[in-house]
Amino acid sequence: MTSQDILSLQPLFSDWSITRFKEFRGHDGGGFNLNLLLKGKMVAQVDNDGWGGGFSYRWLDKGAEEAFTVIVASLPKWVDEEDPEFPQLFPEGLDYDMDMAIEEFLIDPFVQNKQWKAACKRNGNTVIRLHSLKKGEYITIYQACTPDVKEGIRKKYGEDLIEIVNDRYIAEWFPLKGRKK
């Protein structure tokens, strides 16, 4: 699946989010714990113990579990476009499962958001995403994110520009106190 395909499917998960995401080293790679939320309400605890195998789910709301299962079942087949052997092994692609969906549509964006936020804060840099970059990659421009810099970026990159990442955090960093948005 391309990063564009993933972006087009992201709205399916717009009511879902994660909190209390903690990563740790496990025996067979990294593990994690997280809380899964539906419209801001915790509906499940998800764990990966780092010993291989699938995730462990403790659902607190059966209706939410059913809703998540329906979303996962509606996803198109997953295809790894970077692995040259994938088409021979799985010519029709793979069905998403709950683990893949949580990782692809909730954990990865959560982790990327933290990385982008940190990159934007470092020395007031400007961070941009481009269609021509791989998923999760970004470019750091070592200049403050001023209107002139943003205009120069838009002119230089044109249609290749996905977003100026700093714009996500402007309202958070500089809230409009006492003014309506």
Protein backbone atom coordinates (compact mmCIF):
# COMPACT_ATOMS: atom_id res chain seq x y z
CA MET A 1 0.00 0.00 0.00
CA THR A 2 1.30 3.42 -0.83
CA SER A 3 1.37 6.26 1.67
CA GLN A 4 -1.36 7.93 -0.44
CA ASP A 5 -3.59 4.84 -0.07
CA ILE A 6 -3.04 4.90 3.68
CA LEU A 7 -3.87 8.62 3.84
CA SER A 8 -7.09 8.00 1.92
CA LEU A 9 -8.15 5.32 4.44
CA GLN A 10 -7.25 7.39 7.52
CA PRO A 11 -10.79 8.89 7.80
CA LEU A 12 -12.14 5.42 8.65
CA PHE A 13 -10.22 5.73 11.92
CA SER A 14 -11.02 9.38 12.65
CA ASP A 15 -13.05 8.51 15.77
CA TRP A 16 -10.31 6.23 17.08
CA SER A 17 -7.15 7.28 18.94
CA ILE A 18 -4.56 5.96 21.36
CA THR A 19 -3.19 7.24 24.66
CA ARG A 20 -0.67 6.07 27.22
CA PHE A 21 1.50 4.55 24.49
CA LYS A 22 4.63 3.10 26.08
CA GLU A 23 7.30 1.18 24.20
CA PHE A 24 9.83 -1.22 25.73
CA ARG A 25 12.37 -3.82 24.67
CA GLY A 26 11.16 -7.39 24.54
CA HIS A 27 12.73 -10.75 23.83
CA ASP A 28 11.80 -10.74 20.12
CA GLY A 29 11.82 -7.02 19.44
CA GLY A 30 9.93 -4.10 20.86
CA GLY A 31 6.78 -4.37 22.88
CA PHE A 32 4.24 -1.77 23.88
CA ASN A 33 1.16 -0.99 25.95
CA LEU A 34 -1.56 1.46 24.94
CA ASN A 35 -5.14 2.45 25.59
CA LEU A 36 -7.48 2.45 22.60
CA LEU A 37 -10.11 5.18 22.57
CA LEU A 38 -13.31 5.63 20.59
CA LYS A 39 -14.48 9.26 20.52
CA GLY A 40 -12.29 9.99 23.53
CA LYS A 41 -13.61 7.10 25.66
CA MET A 42 -11.28 4.23 26.55
CA VAL A 43 -12.65 1.02 25.04
CA ALA A 44 -9.66 -1.35 25.17
CA GLN A 45 -6.19 -1.97 26.50
CA VAL A 46 -3.78 -3.33 23.90
CA ASP A 47 -0.46 -4.99 24.71
CA ASN A 48 2.39 -6.49 22.74
CA ASP A 49 4.67 -8.35 25.16
CA GLY A 50 7.67 -8.31 22.81
CA TRP A 51 7.92 -12.12 22.73
CA GLY A 52 6.55 -12.56 19.21
CA GLY A 53 2.99 -13.33 18.26
CA GLY A 54 -0.04 -11.10 18.08
CA PHE A 55 -1.25 -8.31 20.31
CA SER A 56 -3.34 -8.93 23.43
CA TYR A 57 -6.66 -7.10 23.70
CA ARG A 58 -8.74 -6.41 26.78
CA TRP A 59 -11.96 -4.93 25.43
CA LEU A 60 -13.99 -2.86 27.86
CA ASP A 61 -16.77 -2.21 25.34
CA LYS A 62 -18.02 -5.07 23.13
CA GLY A 63 -19.81 -2.64 20.80
CA ALA A 64 -16.51 -0.88 20.15
CA GLU A 65 -14.84 -4.22 19.45
CA GLU A 66 -17.50 -5.06 16.88
CA ALA A 67 -17.23 -1.58 15.30
CA PHE A 68 -13.44 -1.89 15.01
CA THR A 69 -13.77 -5.38 13.52
CA VAL A 70 -16.17 -4.05 10.86
CA ILE A 71 -13.74 -1.26 9.91
CA VAL A 72 -10.84 -3.71 9.64
CA ALA A 73 -12.91 -6.09 7.49
CA SER A 74 -13.74 -3.22 5.11
CA LEU A 75 -10.09 -2.39 4.39
CA PRO A 76 -8.63 -3.31 0.99
CA LYS A 77 -5.93 -5.96 0.67
CA TRP A 78 -2.53 -4.95 2.04
CA VAL A 79 0.39 -5.02 -0.43
CA ASP A 80 4.05 -4.41 0.41
CA GLU A 81 5.30 -2.43 -2.58
CA GLU A 82 8.87 -2.25 -1.25
CA ASP A 83 9.44 -6.02 -1.02
CA PRO A 84 10.21 -7.45 -4.48
CA GLU A 85 9.25 -11.00 -3.36
CA PHE A 86 5.86 -9.99 -1.95
CA PRO A 87 3.92 -10.30 -5.27
CA GLN A 88 5.20 -13.85 -5.79
CA LEU A 89 4.39 -14.93 -2.23
CA PHE A 90 1.03 -13.15 -1.97
CA PRO A 91 -0.19 -12.30 -5.50
CA GLU A 92 -3.58 -11.06 -4.27
CA GLY A 93 -2.27 -9.26 -1.17
CA LEU A 94 -3.06 -9.92 2.47
CA ASP A 95 -6.18 -9.17 4.45
CA TYR A 96 -5.69 -6.67 7.25
CA ASP A 97 -6.10 -8.01 10.76
CA MET A 98 -6.72 -6.00 13.92
CA ASP A 99 -3.00 -5.88 14.79
CA MET A 100 -1.99 -4.56 11.37
CA ALA A 101 -4.74 -1.94 11.41
CA ILE A 102 -3.81 -0.64 14.87
CA GLU A 103 -0.16 -0.43 13.90
CA GLU A 104 -0.71 1.13 10.46
CA PHE A 105 -3.51 3.59 11.23
CA LEU A 106 -3.07 4.44 14.92
CA ILE A 107 0.41 3.66 16.27
CA ASP A 108 2.46 4.77 13.24
CA PRO A 109 0.70 8.17 12.94
CA PHE A 110 0.97 8.66 16.73
CA VAL A 111 4.74 8.00 16.73
CA GLN A 112 5.29 10.08 13.56
CA ASN A 113 3.36 12.96 15.11
CA LYS A 114 5.66 12.92 18.15
CA GLN A 115 8.74 12.88 15.89
CA TRP A 116 7.44 15.73 13.72
CA LYS A 117 6.49 17.80 16.74
CA ALA A 118 9.99 17.40 18.20
CA ALA A 119 11.58 18.26 14.84
CA CYS A 120 9.48 21.43 14.57
CA LYS A 121 10.43 22.54 18.08
CA ARG A 122 14.17 22.03 17.59
CA ASN A 123 15.61 25.50 17.10
CA GLY A 124 12.39 26.70 15.47
CA ASN A 125 12.95 24.65 12.31
CA THR A 126 10.39 24.30 9.54
CA VAL A 127 9.37 20.72 8.73
CA ILE A 128 7.65 19.66 5.50
CA ARG A 129 6.23 16.45 4.02
CA LEU A 130 6.38 15.72 0.29
CA HIS A 131 4.60 13.20 -1.94
CA SER A 132 7.99 12.16 -3.37
CA LEU A 133 9.27 11.00 0.06
CA LYS A 134 8.59 7.62 1.62
CA LYS A 135 5.95 7.26 4.33
CA GLY A 136 7.11 8.86 7.57
CA GLU A 137 10.00 10.79 6.00
CA TYR A 138 10.19 14.55 6.16
CA ILE A 139 12.53 17.40 5.31
CA THR A 140 13.80 19.82 7.94
CA ILE A 141 14.49 23.35 6.76
CA TYR A 142 16.77 25.09 9.20
CA GLN A 143 14.84 28.34 9.23
CA ALA A 144 12.05 29.62 11.41
CA CYS A 145 8.55 28.90 10.09
CA THR A 146 7.70 32.46 9.03
CA PRO A 147 5.16 33.47 6.37
CA ASP A 148 8.03 34.27 3.96
CA VAL A 149 9.65 30.87 4.47
CA LYS A 150 6.29 29.12 4.00
CA GLU A 151 5.63 31.04 0.77
CA GLY A 152 9.10 30.08 -0.53
CA ILE A 153 8.42 26.42 0.29
CA ARG A 154 5.08 26.49 -1.54
CA LYS A 155 6.73 28.04 -4.62
CA LYS A 156 9.68 25.63 -4.61
CA TYR A 157 7.81 22.36 -4.03
CA GLY A 158 4.39 23.16 -5.57
CA GLU A 159 2.20 20.07 -6.02
CA ASP A 160 4.78 17.81 -4.35
CA LEU A 161 4.12 19.51 -0.99
CA ILE A 162 1.76 17.54 1.28
CA GLU A 163 1.98 19.89 4.24
CA ILE A 164 4.07 22.23 6.30
CA VAL A 165 4.05 20.18 9.50
CA ASN A 166 4.54 23.20 11.78
CA ASP A 167 1.01 24.37 10.91
CA ARG A 168 -0.39 21.42 12.90
CA TYR A 169 1.07 22.80 16.12
CA ILE A 170 0.74 26.58 15.75
CA ALA A 171 -2.60 26.74 17.66
CA GLU A 172 -1.25 24.42 20.36
CA TRP A 173 1.94 26.44 20.88
CA PHE A 174 0.38 29.89 20.53
CA PRO A 175 -3.24 29.66 21.66
CA LEU A 176 -5.55 32.57 20.87
CA LYS A 177 -6.37 33.48 24.44
CA GLY A 178 -9.72 35.17 24.80
CA ARG A 179 -10.42 35.10 21.06
CA LYS A 180 -12.83 32.92 19.15
CA LYS A 181 -11.25 30.67 16.54
